[in-house]
PDB file of N, CA and C in Angstrom:
ATOM      1  N   MET A   1      54.675  32.188 -21.072  1.00  0.00           N
ATOM      2  CA  MET A   1      53.430  31.764 -21.665  1.00  0.00           C
ATOM      3  C   MET A   1      52.936  30.504 -20.954  1.00  0.00           C
ATOM      4  N   SER A   2      51.646  30.367 -20.868  1.00  0.00           N
ATOM      5  CA  SER A   2      51.101  29.184 -20.217  1.00  0.00           C
ATOM      6  C   SER A   2      51.086  28.007 -21.179  1.00  0.00           C
ATOM      7  N   ARG A   3      51.257  26.835 -20.615  1.00  0.00           N
ATOM      8  CA  ARG A   3      51.258  25.612 -21.416  1.00  0.00           C
ATOM      9  C   ARG A   3      49.829  25.130 -21.595  1.00  0.00           C
ATOM     10  N   LYS A   4      49.555  24.625 -22.773  1.00  0.00           N
ATOM     11  CA  LYS A   4      48.226  24.111 -23.097  1.00  0.00           C
ATOM     12  C   LYS A   4      48.349  22.643 -23.461  1.00  0.00           C
ATOM     13  N   GLN A   5      47.250  21.928 -23.268  1.00  0.00           N
ATOM     14  CA  GLN A   5      47.219  20.515 -23.624  1.00  0.00           C
ATOM     15  C   GLN A   5      46.139  20.296 -24.665  1.00  0.00           C
ATOM     16  N   TYR A   6      46.503  19.546 -25.708  1.00  0.00           N
ATOM     17  CA  TYR A   6      45.591  19.270 -26.810  1.00  0.00           C
ATOM     18  C   TYR A   6      45.521  17.772 -27.064  1.00  0.00           C
ATOM     19  N   ILE A   7      44.410  17.340 -27.606  1.00  0.00           N
ATOM     20  CA  ILE A   7      44.305  15.989 -28.123  1.00  0.00           C
ATOM     21  C   ILE A   7      44.155  16.102 -29.638  1.00  0.00           C
ATOM     22  N   VAL A   8      44.900  15.272 -30.354  1.00  0.00           N
ATOM     23  CA  VAL A   8      44.862  15.252 -31.813  1.00  0.00           C
ATOM     24  C   VAL A   8      44.498  13.833 -32.239  1.00  0.00           C
ATOM     25  N   VAL A   9      43.473  13.716 -33.072  1.00  0.00           N
ATOM     26  CA  VAL A   9      43.101  12.423 -33.625  1.00  0.00           C
ATOM     27  C   VAL A   9      43.339  12.490 -35.127  1.00  0.00           C
ATOM     28  N   ALA A  10      44.195  11.601 -35.600  1.00  0.00           N
ATOM     29  CA  ALA A  10      44.566  11.574 -37.013  1.00  0.00           C
ATOM     30  C   ALA A  10      43.728  10.541 -37.753  1.00  0.00           C
ATOM     31  N   PRO A  11      43.492  10.761 -39.033  1.00  0.00           N
ATOM     32  CA  PRO A  11      42.710   9.811 -39.817  1.00  0.00           C
ATOM     33  C   PRO A  11      43.441   8.497 -40.061  1.00  0.00           C
ATOM     34  N   GLY A  12      44.753   8.536 -40.041  1.00  0.00           N
ATOM     35  CA  GLY A  12      45.572   7.333 -40.228  1.00  0.00           C
ATOM     36  C   GLY A  12      46.583   7.280 -39.108  1.00  0.00           C
ATOM     37  N   ALA A  13      47.726   6.740 -39.379  1.00  0.00           N
ATOM     38  CA  ALA A  13      48.755   6.626 -38.354  1.00  0.00           C
ATOM     39  C   ALA A  13      49.648   7.862 -38.335  1.00  0.00           C
ATOM     40  N   PHE A  14      50.060   8.281 -37.125  1.00  0.00           N
ATOM     41  CA  PHE A  14      51.074   9.328 -37.013  1.00  0.00           C
ATOM     42  C   PHE A  14      52.396   8.741 -37.489  1.00  0.00           C
ATOM     43  N   PRO A  15      53.199   9.539 -38.183  1.00  0.00           N
ATOM     44  CA  PRO A  15      54.494   9.030 -38.624  1.00  0.00           C
ATOM     45  C   PRO A  15      55.377   8.721 -37.416  1.00  0.00           C
ATOM     46  N   ARG A  16      56.046   7.607 -37.463  1.00  0.00           N
ATOM     47  CA  ARG A  16      56.955   7.201 -36.386  1.00  0.00           C
ATOM     48  C   ARG A  16      58.379   7.229 -36.924  1.00  0.00           C
ATOM     49  N   ARG A  17      59.320   7.242 -36.019  1.00  0.00           N
ATOM     50  CA  ARG A  17      60.715   7.227 -36.431  1.00  0.00           C
ATOM     51  C   ARG A  17      61.520   6.432 -35.420  1.00  0.00           C
ATOM     52  N   ALA A  18      62.616   5.893 -35.879  1.00  0.00           N
ATOM     53  CA  ALA A  18      63.563   5.237 -34.985  1.00  0.00           C
ATOM     54  C   ALA A  18      64.442   6.301 -34.352  1.00  0.00           C
ATOM     55  N   ALA A  19      64.984   6.017 -33.175  1.00  0.00           N
ATOM     56  CA  ALA A  19      65.813   6.994 -32.455  1.00  0.00           C
ATOM     57  C   ALA A  19      67.037   7.417 -33.261  1.00  0.00           C
ATOM     58  N   TRP A  20      67.524   6.544 -34.126  1.00  0.00           N
ATOM     59  CA  TRP A  20      68.741   6.851 -34.881  1.00  0.00           C
ATOM     60  C   TRP A  20      68.485   7.695 -36.125  1.00  0.00           C
ATOM     61  N   GLU A  21      67.229   7.883 -36.501  1.00  0.00           N
ATOM     62  CA  GLU A  21      66.932   8.639 -37.715  1.00  0.00           C
ATOM     63  C   GLU A  21      67.232  10.126 -37.524  1.00  0.00           C
ATOM     64  N   PRO A  22      67.660  10.801 -38.586  1.00  0.00           N
ATOM     65  CA  PRO A  22      67.954  12.242 -38.476  1.00  0.00           C
ATOM     66  C   PRO A  22      66.685  13.058 -38.264  1.00  0.00           C
ATOM     67  N   LYS A  23      66.857  14.279 -37.781  1.00  0.00           N
ATOM     68  CA  LYS A  23      65.722  15.143 -37.507  1.00  0.00           C
ATOM     69  C   LYS A  23      64.821  15.313 -38.728  1.00  0.00           C
ATOM     70  N   ALA A  24      65.379  15.302 -39.905  1.00  0.00           N
ATOM     71  CA  ALA A  24      64.570  15.466 -41.122  1.00  0.00           C
ATOM     72  C   ALA A  24      63.531  14.354 -41.251  1.00  0.00           C
ATOM     73  N   ALA A  25      63.765  13.226 -40.586  1.00  0.00           N
ATOM     74  CA  ALA A  25      62.835  12.101 -40.664  1.00  0.00           C
ATOM     75  C   ALA A  25      61.856  12.096 -39.485  1.00  0.00           C
ATOM     76  N   ARG A  26      61.767  13.188 -38.765  1.00  0.00           N
ATOM     77  CA  ARG A  26      60.891  13.278 -37.590  1.00  0.00           C
ATOM     78  C   ARG A  26      59.809  14.327 -37.814  1.00  0.00           C
ATOM     79  N   PRO A  27      58.757  13.999 -38.547  1.00  0.00           N
ATOM     80  CA  PRO A  27      57.752  15.012 -38.876  1.00  0.00           C
ATOM     81  C   PRO A  27      57.033  15.595 -37.659  1.00  0.00           C
ATOM     82  N   LEU A  28      56.873  14.838 -36.596  1.00  0.00           N
ATOM     83  CA  LEU A  28      56.222  15.397 -35.408  1.00  0.00           C
ATOM     84  C   LEU A  28      57.074  16.496 -34.782  1.00  0.00           C
ATOM     85  N   ASP A  29      58.401  16.386 -34.882  1.00  0.00           N
ATOM     86  CA  ASP A  29      59.282  17.422 -34.336  1.00  0.00           C
ATOM     87  C   ASP A  29      59.057  18.761 -35.019  1.00  0.00           C
ATOM     88  N   ASP A  30      58.636  18.743 -36.279  1.00  0.00           N
ATOM     89  CA  ASP A  30      58.424  19.979 -37.033  1.00  0.00           C
ATOM     90  C   ASP A  30      57.238  20.794 -36.524  1.00  0.00           C
ATOM     91  N   ILE A  31      56.323  20.172 -35.803  1.00  0.00           N
ATOM     92  CA  ILE A  31      55.169  20.914 -35.290  1.00  0.00           C
ATOM     93  C   ILE A  31      55.376  21.390 -33.862  1.00  0.00           C
ATOM     94  N   LEU A  32      56.453  20.925 -33.218  1.00  0.00           N
ATOM     95  CA  LEU A  32      56.687  21.250 -31.815  1.00  0.00           C
ATOM     96  C   LEU A  32      57.717  22.354 -31.653  1.00  0.00           C
ATOM     97  N   ASP A  33      57.556  23.133 -30.595  1.00  0.00           N
ATOM     98  CA  ASP A  33      58.559  24.124 -30.210  1.00  0.00           C
ATOM     99  C   ASP A  33      59.460  23.500 -29.139  1.00  0.00           C
ATOM    100  N   VAL A  34      60.567  24.138 -28.838  1.00  0.00           N
ATOM    101  CA  VAL A  34      61.458  23.670 -27.778  1.00  0.00           C
ATOM    102  C   VAL A  34      60.673  23.624 -26.469  1.00  0.00           C
ATOM    103  N   GLY A  35      60.760  22.513 -25.760  1.00  0.00           N
ATOM    104  CA  GLY A  35      60.056  22.357 -24.496  1.00  0.00           C
ATOM    105  C   GLY A  35      58.681  21.715 -24.627  1.00  0.00           C
ATOM    106  N   ASP A  36      58.180  21.582 -25.857  1.00  0.00           N
ATOM    107  CA  ASP A  36      56.896  20.923 -26.088  1.00  0.00           C
ATOM    108  C   ASP A  36      57.071  19.413 -25.945  1.00  0.00           C
ATOM    109  N   SER A  37      55.966  18.722 -25.729  1.00  0.00           N
ATOM    110  CA  SER A  37      56.027  17.272 -25.663  1.00  0.00           C
ATOM    111  C   SER A  37      54.799  16.675 -26.330  1.00  0.00           C
ATOM    112  N   VAL A  38      54.947  15.428 -26.774  1.00  0.00           N
ATOM    113  CA  VAL A  38      53.848  14.719 -27.407  1.00  0.00           C
ATOM    114  C   VAL A  38      53.842  13.285 -26.879  1.00  0.00           C
ATOM    115  N   PHE A  39      52.656  12.783 -26.605  1.00  0.00           N
ATOM    116  CA  PHE A  39      52.480  11.403 -26.168  1.00  0.00           C
ATOM    117  C   PHE A  39      51.551  10.730 -27.161  1.00  0.00           C
ATOM    118  N   LEU A  40      52.054   9.705 -27.845  1.00  0.00           N
ATOM    119  CA  LEU A  40      51.242   8.983 -28.818  1.00  0.00           C
ATOM    120  C   LEU A  40      50.511   7.841 -28.126  1.00  0.00           C
ATOM    121  N   MET A  41      49.223   7.751 -28.390  1.00  0.00           N
ATOM    122  CA  MET A  41      48.404   6.679 -27.847  1.00  0.00           C
ATOM    123  C   MET A  41      47.907   5.861 -29.031  1.00  0.00           C
ATOM    124  N   GLY A  42      48.532   4.735 -29.251  1.00  0.00           N
ATOM    125  CA  GLY A  42      48.199   3.960 -30.433  1.00  0.00           C
ATOM    126  C   GLY A  42      48.771   4.638 -31.663  1.00  0.00           C
ATOM    127  N   ASP A  43      48.123   4.398 -32.793  1.00  0.00           N
ATOM    128  CA  ASP A  43      48.635   4.941 -34.052  1.00  0.00           C
ATOM    129  C   ASP A  43      48.031   6.271 -34.454  1.00  0.00           C
ATOM    130  N   ASN A  44      46.841   6.604 -33.932  1.00  0.00           N
ATOM    131  CA  ASN A  44      46.177   7.792 -34.473  1.00  0.00           C
ATOM    132  C   ASN A  44      45.711   8.801 -33.438  1.00  0.00           C
ATOM    133  N   VAL A  45      46.181   8.703 -32.204  1.00  0.00           N
ATOM    134  CA  VAL A  45      45.820   9.672 -31.167  1.00  0.00           C
ATOM    135  C   VAL A  45      47.089  10.191 -30.511  1.00  0.00           C
ATOM    136  N   ALA A  46      47.162  11.503 -30.341  1.00  0.00           N
ATOM    137  CA  ALA A  46      48.314  12.115 -29.678  1.00  0.00           C
ATOM    138  C   ALA A  46      47.836  13.168 -28.697  1.00  0.00           C
ATOM    139  N   PHE A  47      48.513  13.244 -27.558  1.00  0.00           N
ATOM    140  CA  PHE A  47      48.315  14.326 -26.605  1.00  0.00           C
ATOM    141  C   PHE A  47      49.532  15.227 -26.721  1.00  0.00           C
ATOM    142  N   VAL A  48      49.304  16.509 -26.945  1.00  0.00           N
ATOM    143  CA  VAL A  48      50.381  17.469 -27.162  1.00  0.00           C
ATOM    144  C   VAL A  48      50.336  18.510 -26.056  1.00  0.00           C
ATOM    145  N   GLU A  49      51.497  18.798 -25.451  1.00  0.00           N
ATOM    146  CA  GLU A  49      51.609  19.878 -24.477  1.00  0.00           C
ATOM    147  C   GLU A  49      52.530  20.932 -25.079  1.00  0.00           C
ATOM    148  N   THR A  50      52.018  22.167 -25.178  1.00  0.00           N
ATOM    149  CA  THR A  50      52.742  23.224 -25.894  1.00  0.00           C
ATOM    150  C   THR A  50      52.300  24.599 -25.406  1.00  0.00           C
ATOM    151  N   THR A  51      53.053  25.609 -25.785  1.00  0.00           N
ATOM    152  CA  THR A  51      52.643  26.996 -25.521  1.00  0.00           C
ATOM    153  C   THR A  51      51.898  27.575 -26.718  1.00  0.00           C
ATOM    154  N   GLN A  52      51.810  26.822 -27.820  1.00  0.00           N
ATOM    155  CA  GLN A  52      51.151  27.308 -29.034  1.00  0.00           C
ATOM    156  C   GLN A  52      49.637  27.467 -28.823  1.00  0.00           C
ATOM    157  N   GLU A  53      49.092  28.449 -29.483  1.00  0.00           N
ATOM    158  CA  GLU A  53      47.643  28.604 -29.521  1.00  0.00           C
ATOM    159  C   GLU A  53      47.079  27.587 -30.507  1.00  0.00           C
ATOM    160  N   ILE A  54      45.801  27.301 -30.401  1.00  0.00           N
ATOM    161  CA  ILE A  54      45.190  26.269 -31.232  1.00  0.00           C
ATOM    162  C   ILE A  54      45.280  26.604 -32.726  1.00  0.00           C
ATOM    163  N   ALA A  55      45.162  27.866 -33.085  1.00  0.00           N
ATOM    164  CA  ALA A  55      45.244  28.252 -34.505  1.00  0.00           C
ATOM    165  C   ALA A  55      46.631  27.951 -35.072  1.00  0.00           C
ATOM    166  N   SER A  56      47.672  28.240 -34.310  1.00  0.00           N
ATOM    167  CA  SER A  56      49.042  27.980 -34.749  1.00  0.00           C
ATOM    168  C   SER A  56      49.301  26.483 -34.878  1.00  0.00           C
ATOM    169  N   LEU A  57      48.855  25.719 -33.886  1.00  0.00           N
ATOM    170  CA  LEU A  57      49.043  24.270 -33.926  1.00  0.00           C
ATOM    171  C   LEU A  57      48.266  23.657 -35.085  1.00  0.00           C
ATOM    172  N   THR A  58      47.051  24.132 -35.312  1.00  0.00           N
ATOM    173  CA  THR A  58      46.246  23.642 -36.437  1.00  0.00           C
ATOM    174  C   THR A  58      46.973  23.866 -37.756  1.00  0.00           C
ATOM    175  N   GLU A  59      47.513  25.055 -37.938  1.00  0.00           N
ATOM    176  CA  GLU A  59      48.222  25.378 -39.179  1.00  0.00           C
ATOM    177  C   GLU A  59      49.460  24.500 -39.361  1.00  0.00           C
ATOM    178  N   ARG A  60      50.206  24.287 -38.291  1.00  0.00           N
ATOM    179  CA  ARG A  60      51.400  23.436 -38.397  1.00  0.00           C
ATOM    180  C   ARG A  60      51.022  21.992 -38.731  1.00  0.00           C
ATOM    181  N   LEU A  61      49.983  21.488 -38.081  1.00  0.00           N
ATOM    182  CA  LEU A  61      49.536  20.122 -38.371  1.00  0.00           C
ATOM    183  C   LEU A  61      49.109  19.991 -39.828  1.00  0.00           C
ATOM    184  N   ARG A  62      48.393  20.989 -40.306  1.00  0.00           N
ATOM    185  CA  ARG A  62      47.926  20.967 -41.698  1.00  0.00           C
ATOM    186  C   ARG A  62      49.116  21.024 -42.665  1.00  0.00           C
ATOM    187  N   GLU A  63      50.052  21.924 -42.413  1.00  0.00           N
ATOM    188  CA  GLU A  63      51.189  22.097 -43.320  1.00  0.00           C
ATOM    189  C   GLU A  63      52.165  20.928 -43.279  1.00  0.00           C
ATOM    190  N   LYS A  64      52.470  20.411 -42.086  1.00  0.00           N
ATOM    191  CA  LYS A  64      53.544  19.429 -41.937  1.00  0.00           C
ATOM    192  C   LYS A  64      53.095  17.976 -41.982  1.00  0.00           C
ATOM    193  N   LEU A  65      51.839  17.701 -41.593  1.00  0.00           N
ATOM    194  CA  LEU A  65      51.435  16.298 -41.479  1.00  0.00           C
ATOM    195  C   LEU A  65      50.239  15.896 -42.325  1.00  0.00           C
ATOM    196  N   PHE A  66      49.159  16.663 -42.274  1.00  0.00           N
ATOM    197  CA  PHE A  66      47.897  16.174 -42.796  1.00  0.00           C
ATOM    198  C   PHE A  66      47.461  16.770 -44.122  1.00  0.00           C
ATOM    199  N   GLY A  67      47.988  17.900 -44.498  1.00  0.00           N
ATOM    200  CA  GLY A  67      47.554  18.535 -45.735  1.00  0.00           C
ATOM    201  C   GLY A  67      46.060  18.827 -45.690  1.00  0.00           C
ATOM    202  N   GLU A  68      45.342  18.396 -46.705  1.00  0.00           N
ATOM    203  CA  GLU A  68      43.895  18.641 -46.779  1.00  0.00           C
ATOM    204  C   GLU A  68      43.069  17.554 -46.083  1.00  0.00           C
ATOM    205  N   THR A  69      43.731  16.547 -45.527  1.00  0.00           N
ATOM    206  CA  THR A  69      43.022  15.476 -44.826  1.00  0.00           C
ATOM    207  C   THR A  69      42.447  16.016 -43.523  1.00  0.00           C
ATOM    208  N   MET A  70      41.217  15.647 -43.230  1.00  0.00           N
ATOM    209  CA  MET A  70      40.551  16.119 -42.024  1.00  0.00           C
ATOM    210  C   MET A  70      41.154  15.451 -40.782  1.00  0.00           C
ATOM    211  N   PHE A  71      41.313  16.217 -39.710  1.00  0.00           N
ATOM    212  CA  PHE A  71      41.784  15.689 -38.436  1.00  0.00           C
ATOM    213  C   PHE A  71      41.050  16.404 -37.307  1.00  0.00           C
ATOM    214  N   PHE A  72      41.119  15.845 -36.103  1.00  0.00           N
ATOM    215  CA  PHE A  72      40.424  16.380 -34.943  1.00  0.00           C
ATOM    216  C   PHE A  72      41.460  16.946 -33.976  1.00  0.00           C
ATOM    217  N   LEU A  73      41.246  18.180 -33.527  1.00  0.00           N
ATOM    218  CA  LEU A  73      42.139  18.827 -32.563  1.00  0.00           C
ATOM    219  C   LEU A  73      41.276  19.539 -31.543  1.00  0.00           C
ATOM    220  N   ALA A  74      41.534  19.284 -30.261  1.00  0.00           N
ATOM    221  CA  ALA A  74      40.751  19.941 -29.205  1.00  0.00           C
ATOM    222  C   ALA A  74      41.662  20.364 -28.065  1.00  0.00           C
ATOM    223  N   ASP A  75      41.393  21.538 -27.517  1.00  0.00           N
ATOM    224  CA  ASP A  75      42.098  22.034 -26.342  1.00  0.00           C
ATOM    225  C   ASP A  75      41.484  21.372 -25.119  1.00  0.00           C
ATOM    226  N   ILE A  76      42.288  20.608 -24.387  1.00  0.00           N
ATOM    227  CA  ILE A  76      41.788  19.915 -23.197  1.00  0.00           C
ATOM    228  C   ILE A  76      42.470  20.426 -21.930  1.00  0.00           C
ATOM    229  N   THR A  77      43.033  21.617 -22.011  1.00  0.00           N
ATOM    230  CA  THR A  77      43.784  22.186 -20.895  1.00  0.00           C
ATOM    231  C   THR A  77      42.953  22.285 -19.624  1.00  0.00           C
ATOM    232  N   SER A  78      41.726  22.733 -19.729  1.00  0.00           N
ATOM    233  CA  SER A  78      40.904  22.987 -18.546  1.00  0.00           C
ATOM    234  C   SER A  78      39.884  21.884 -18.263  1.00  0.00           C
ATOM    235  N   THR A  79      40.123  20.713 -18.798  1.00  0.00           N
ATOM    236  CA  THR A  79      39.181  19.617 -18.576  1.00  0.00           C
ATOM    237  C   THR A  79      39.832  18.522 -17.755  1.00  0.00           C
ATOM    238  N   SER A  80      39.003  17.653 -17.258  1.00  0.00           N
ATOM    239  CA  SER A  80      39.541  16.470 -16.589  1.00  0.00           C
ATOM    240  C   SER A  80      39.670  15.338 -17.596  1.00  0.00           C
ATOM    241  N   ARG A  81      39.775  15.688 -18.851  1.00  0.00           N
ATOM    242  CA  ARG A  81      39.957  14.799 -19.995  1.00  0.00           C
ATOM    243  C   ARG A  81      38.855  13.770 -20.113  1.00  0.00           C
ATOM    244  N   ALA A  82      39.087  12.551 -19.718  1.00  0.00           N
ATOM    245  CA  ALA A  82      38.150  11.456 -19.982  1.00  0.00           C
ATOM    246  C   ALA A  82      36.760  11.714 -19.409  1.00  0.00           C
ATOM    247  N   ALA A  83      36.686  12.354 -18.282  1.00  0.00           N
ATOM    248  CA  ALA A  83      35.381  12.574 -17.644  1.00  0.00           C
ATOM    249  C   ALA A  83      34.493  13.492 -18.470  1.00  0.00           C
ATOM    250  N   ASN A  84      35.100  14.367 -19.267  1.00  0.00           N
ATOM    251  CA  ASN A  84      34.318  15.319 -20.042  1.00  0.00           C
ATOM    252  C   ASN A  84      34.152  14.943 -21.506  1.00  0.00           C
ATOM    253  N   MET A  85      34.711  13.830 -21.923  1.00  0.00           N
ATOM    254  CA  MET A  85      34.585  13.414 -23.313  1.00  0.00           C
ATOM    255  C   MET A  85      33.337  12.553 -23.462  1.00  0.00           C
ATOM    256  N   PRO A  86      32.507  12.831 -24.454  1.00  0.00           N
ATOM    257  CA  PRO A  86      31.279  12.044 -24.624  1.00  0.00           C
ATOM    258  C   PRO A  86      31.592  10.607 -25.033  1.00  0.00           C
ATOM    259  N   GLN A  87      30.665   9.708 -24.738  1.00  0.00           N
ATOM    260  CA  GLN A  87      30.857   8.293 -25.047  1.00  0.00           C
ATOM    261  C   GLN A  87      31.113   8.058 -26.532  1.00  0.00           C
ATOM    262  N   GLN A  88      30.497   8.864 -27.401  1.00  0.00           N
ATOM    263  CA  GLN A  88      30.696   8.693 -28.840  1.00  0.00           C
ATOM    264  C   GLN A  88      32.170   8.861 -29.211  1.00  0.00           C
ATOM    265  N   PHE A  89      32.862   9.752 -28.517  1.00  0.00           N
ATOM    266  CA  PHE A  89      34.283   9.969 -28.780  1.00  0.00           C
ATOM    267  C   PHE A  89      35.085   8.708 -28.489  1.00  0.00           C
ATOM    268  N   TRP A  90      34.860   8.119 -27.307  1.00  0.00           N
ATOM    269  CA  TRP A  90      35.598   6.910 -26.933  1.00  0.00           C
ATOM    270  C   TRP A  90      35.209   5.738 -27.824  1.00  0.00           C
ATOM    271  N   SER A  91      33.963   5.659 -28.248  1.00  0.00           N
ATOM    272  CA  SER A  91      33.538   4.605 -29.179  1.00  0.00           C
ATOM    273  C   SER A  91      34.266   4.756 -30.508  1.00  0.00           C
ATOM    274  N   TYR A  92      34.411   5.995 -30.965  1.00  0.00           N
ATOM    275  CA  TYR A  92      35.144   6.258 -32.203  1.00  0.00           C
ATOM    276  C   TYR A  92      36.597   5.799 -32.080  1.00  0.00           C
ATOM    277  N   LEU A  93      37.248   6.124 -30.952  1.00  0.00           N
ATOM    278  CA  LEU A  93      38.637   5.719 -30.760  1.00  0.00           C
ATOM    279  C   LEU A  93      38.775   4.203 -30.742  1.00  0.00           C
ATOM    280  N   GLU A  94      37.860   3.534 -30.047  1.00  0.00           N
ATOM    281  CA  GLU A  94      37.913   2.073 -29.983  1.00  0.00           C
ATOM    282  C   GLU A  94      37.746   1.476 -31.380  1.00  0.00           C
ATOM    283  N   ALA A  95      36.808   2.002 -32.145  1.00  0.00           N
ATOM    284  CA  ALA A  95      36.580   1.499 -33.504  1.00  0.00           C
ATOM    285  C   ALA A  95      37.796   1.763 -34.386  1.00  0.00           C
ATOM    286  N   SER A  96      38.393   2.942 -34.250  1.00  0.00           N
ATOM    287  CA  SER A  96      39.579   3.284 -35.044  1.00  0.00           C
ATOM    288  C   SER A  96      40.744   2.369 -34.692  1.00  0.00           C
ATOM    289  N   ALA A  97      40.919   2.075 -33.416  1.00  0.00           N
ATOM    290  CA  ALA A  97      42.003   1.193 -32.986  1.00  0.00           C
ATOM    291  C   ALA A  97      41.786  -0.219 -33.511  1.00  0.00           C
ATOM    292  N   ALA A  98      40.534  -0.673 -33.527  1.00  0.00           N
ATOM    293  CA  ALA A  98      40.222  -2.021 -34.015  1.00  0.00           C
ATOM    294  C   ALA A  98      40.468  -2.131 -35.516  1.00  0.00           C
ATOM    295  N   GLU A  99      40.213  -1.058 -36.248  1.00  0.00           N
ATOM    296  CA  GLU A  99      40.411  -1.056 -37.698  1.00  0.00           C
ATOM    297  C   GLU A  99      41.873  -0.995 -38.076  1.00  0.00           C
ATOM    298  N   GLY A 100      42.690  -0.386 -37.249  1.00  0.00           N
ATOM    299  CA  GLY A 100      44.104  -0.218 -37.574  1.00  0.00           C
ATOM    300  C   GLY A 100      44.300   0.948 -38.509  1.00  0.00           C
ATOM    301  N   PRO A 101      45.575   1.304 -38.792  1.00  0.00           N
ATOM    302  CA  PRO A 101      45.859   2.485 -39.607  1.00  0.00           C
ATOM    303  C   PRO A 101      45.379   2.388 -41.049  1.00  0.00           C
ATOM    304  N   SER A 102      45.168   1.178 -41.571  1.00  0.00           N
ATOM    305  CA  SER A 102      44.744   1.034 -42.955  1.00  0.00           C
ATOM    306  C   SER A 102      43.241   1.228 -43.124  1.00  0.00           C
ATOM    307  N   GLY A 103      42.490   1.275 -42.001  1.00  0.00           N
ATOM    308  CA  GLY A 103      41.043   1.436 -42.082  1.00  0.00           C
ATOM    309  C   GLY A 103      40.318   0.112 -42.184  1.00  0.00           C
ATOM    310  N   ARG A 104      41.074  -0.990 -42.099  1.00  0.00           N
ATOM    311  CA  ARG A 104      40.467  -2.317 -42.153  1.00  0.00           C
ATOM    312  C   ARG A 104      40.561  -2.976 -40.789  1.00  0.00           C
ATOM    313  N   ALA A 105      39.664  -3.902 -40.520  1.00  0.00           N
ATOM    314  CA  ALA A 105      39.683  -4.632 -39.251  1.00  0.00           C
ATOM    315  C   ALA A 105      41.036  -5.308 -39.072  1.00  0.00           C
ATOM    316  N   ALA A 106      41.592  -5.144 -37.879  1.00  0.00           N
ATOM    317  CA  ALA A 106      42.925  -5.720 -37.604  1.00  0.00           C
ATOM    318  C   ALA A 106      42.825  -7.197 -37.300  1.00  0.00           C
TER     319      ALA A 106
END
């Protein structure tokens, strides 16, 4: 299967874990398959590389992490990433980073 790359923007912070914590304390591991990888950028943005289709990844994110909370997921496999993202997207990320995970100015 071909590998796909996605960007995920969470409304709050992605759960983090210490290296010594058991797998049960690693919620991001529950959405990944063997060989998948995730790169966290700040507290609320993640780049995911996986063989999963977007529908499967969406369902796992909803079930394991976000529940009914709205989140942003986009397939960026065939893009040059930053060059194709509109300025409003980057402005949103900058504003979210400035507010911090609590939604208040840091």
